[in-house]
Amino acid sequence: MLYVSVCTLKEGIQRPVSFGKSEEWKRISRDDALHGRYKRIKCYETLSDSPLKIMLLIDSDETDVLKALSDDLGDKWDMTTYPLHELHEIIEEDHAVIAG
């Protein structure tokens, strides 16, 4: 299942130059607790200035991967995760109604 996590940098935390290229992200994406438990995990940074937001696209059949990510990021980031299958279903319904 696909998930998108919107992560907002907590107040008082130093802003990284680029989270997607940081050592912290490299460590998290290669973490032994996560490795092999997801099909894909990508990090995208938004253009917002303050507070910094990142979006994680996660493809995994194991929902506890989300908990592990939250545990890894929770000290610096507020994280809200949404399942994308709901969005996919909405788009399919709209497509059927609009016939596009």
Protein backbone atom coordinates (compact mmCIF):
# COMPACT_ATOMS: atom_id res chain seq x y z
CA MET A 1 0.00 0.00 0.00
CA LEU A 2 1.15 3.53 -0.71
CA TYR A 3 1.36 6.16 2.02
CA VAL A 4 2.38 9.79 2.04
CA SER A 5 3.81 11.25 5.23
CA VAL A 6 3.88 15.00 5.65
CA CYS A 7 6.62 15.94 8.11
CA THR A 8 6.98 19.41 9.59
CA LEU A 9 10.22 20.44 11.28
CA LYS A 10 9.57 21.12 14.95
CA GLU A 11 10.10 24.60 16.36
CA GLY A 12 13.60 25.18 17.71
CA ILE A 13 15.24 22.49 15.54
CA GLN A 14 18.01 23.68 13.22
CA ARG A 15 16.94 23.53 9.61
CA PRO A 16 18.98 21.05 7.55
CA VAL A 17 20.44 22.31 4.28
CA SER A 18 18.69 19.53 2.36
CA PHE A 19 17.00 16.75 4.29
CA GLY A 20 16.82 14.45 1.26
CA LYS A 21 20.62 14.58 0.95
CA SER A 22 21.42 14.62 4.66
CA GLU A 23 23.27 11.94 6.60
CA GLU A 24 20.18 11.57 8.78
CA TRP A 25 18.03 10.59 5.77
CA LYS A 26 20.71 8.22 4.47
CA ARG A 27 20.83 6.54 7.90
CA ILE A 28 17.03 6.27 8.13
CA SER A 29 16.55 4.95 4.59
CA ARG A 30 19.20 2.27 5.20
CA ASP A 31 18.09 1.46 8.76
CA ASP A 32 18.24 -2.27 9.49
CA ALA A 33 14.81 -2.12 11.13
CA LEU A 34 13.33 -0.79 7.87
CA HIS A 35 15.54 -2.33 5.21
CA GLY A 36 13.67 -4.85 3.09
CA ARG A 37 10.33 -4.02 4.72
CA TYR A 38 9.33 -1.45 2.17
CA LYS A 39 9.21 -1.63 -1.60
CA ARG A 40 10.02 2.04 -2.06
CA ILE A 41 10.66 5.08 0.09
CA LYS A 42 11.31 8.51 -1.39
CA CYS A 43 11.87 11.88 0.23
CA TYR A 44 10.59 15.14 -1.30
CA GLU A 45 11.10 18.62 0.11
CA THR A 46 8.42 21.28 -0.25
CA LEU A 47 9.25 24.82 -1.25
CA SER A 48 7.86 26.23 1.99
CA ASP A 49 10.23 28.51 3.80
CA SER A 50 9.11 28.15 7.38
CA PRO A 51 8.50 25.70 8.81
CA LEU A 52 10.34 23.24 6.62
CA LYS A 53 8.16 20.38 5.37
CA ILE A 54 9.16 17.15 3.73
CA MET A 55 6.96 14.50 2.16
CA LEU A 56 7.81 10.84 2.28
CA LEU A 57 6.30 8.46 -0.25
CA ILE A 58 6.27 4.99 1.28
CA ASP A 59 5.28 1.76 -0.45
CA SER A 60 4.96 -1.04 2.09
CA ASP A 61 2.58 -3.80 3.06
CA GLU A 62 3.76 -3.57 6.69
CA THR A 63 2.11 -0.74 8.60
CA ASP A 64 4.63 -0.99 11.44
CA VAL A 65 7.16 0.52 9.02
CA LEU A 66 5.26 3.77 9.56
CA LYS A 67 5.75 3.46 13.32
CA ALA A 68 9.48 2.82 12.86
CA LEU A 69 9.78 5.92 10.67
CA SER A 70 7.86 7.94 13.21
CA ASP A 71 10.18 6.72 15.95
CA ASP A 72 13.25 7.69 13.88
CA LEU A 73 11.93 11.13 12.92
CA GLY A 74 9.80 11.97 15.95
CA ASP A 75 12.38 13.93 17.91
CA LYS A 76 12.74 16.54 15.12
CA TRP A 77 9.65 16.21 12.96
CA ASP A 78 5.87 16.22 13.44
CA MET A 79 4.64 13.48 11.10
CA THR A 80 1.14 12.89 9.69
CA THR A 81 0.62 9.92 7.38
CA TYR A 82 -2.16 9.32 4.87
CA PRO A 83 -2.94 6.15 2.90
CA LEU A 84 -2.95 6.91 -0.82
CA HIS A 85 -5.34 4.15 -1.81
CA GLU A 86 -8.17 6.43 -0.69
CA LEU A 87 -6.93 9.17 -3.02
CA HIS A 88 -6.62 6.64 -5.85
CA GLU A 89 -10.23 5.50 -5.29
CA ILE A 90 -11.46 9.10 -5.32
CA ILE A 91 -9.64 9.81 -8.57
CA GLU A 92 -11.10 6.66 -10.16
CA GLU A 93 -14.61 7.68 -9.06
CA ASP A 94 -14.13 11.20 -10.45
CA HIS A 95 -12.82 9.76 -13.70
CA ALA A 96 -15.92 7.57 -14.04
CA VAL A 97 -18.28 10.49 -13.35
CA ILE A 98 -16.47 13.03 -15.50
CA ALA A 99 -15.67 10.43 -18.19
CA GLY A 100 -12.20 11.84 -18.73
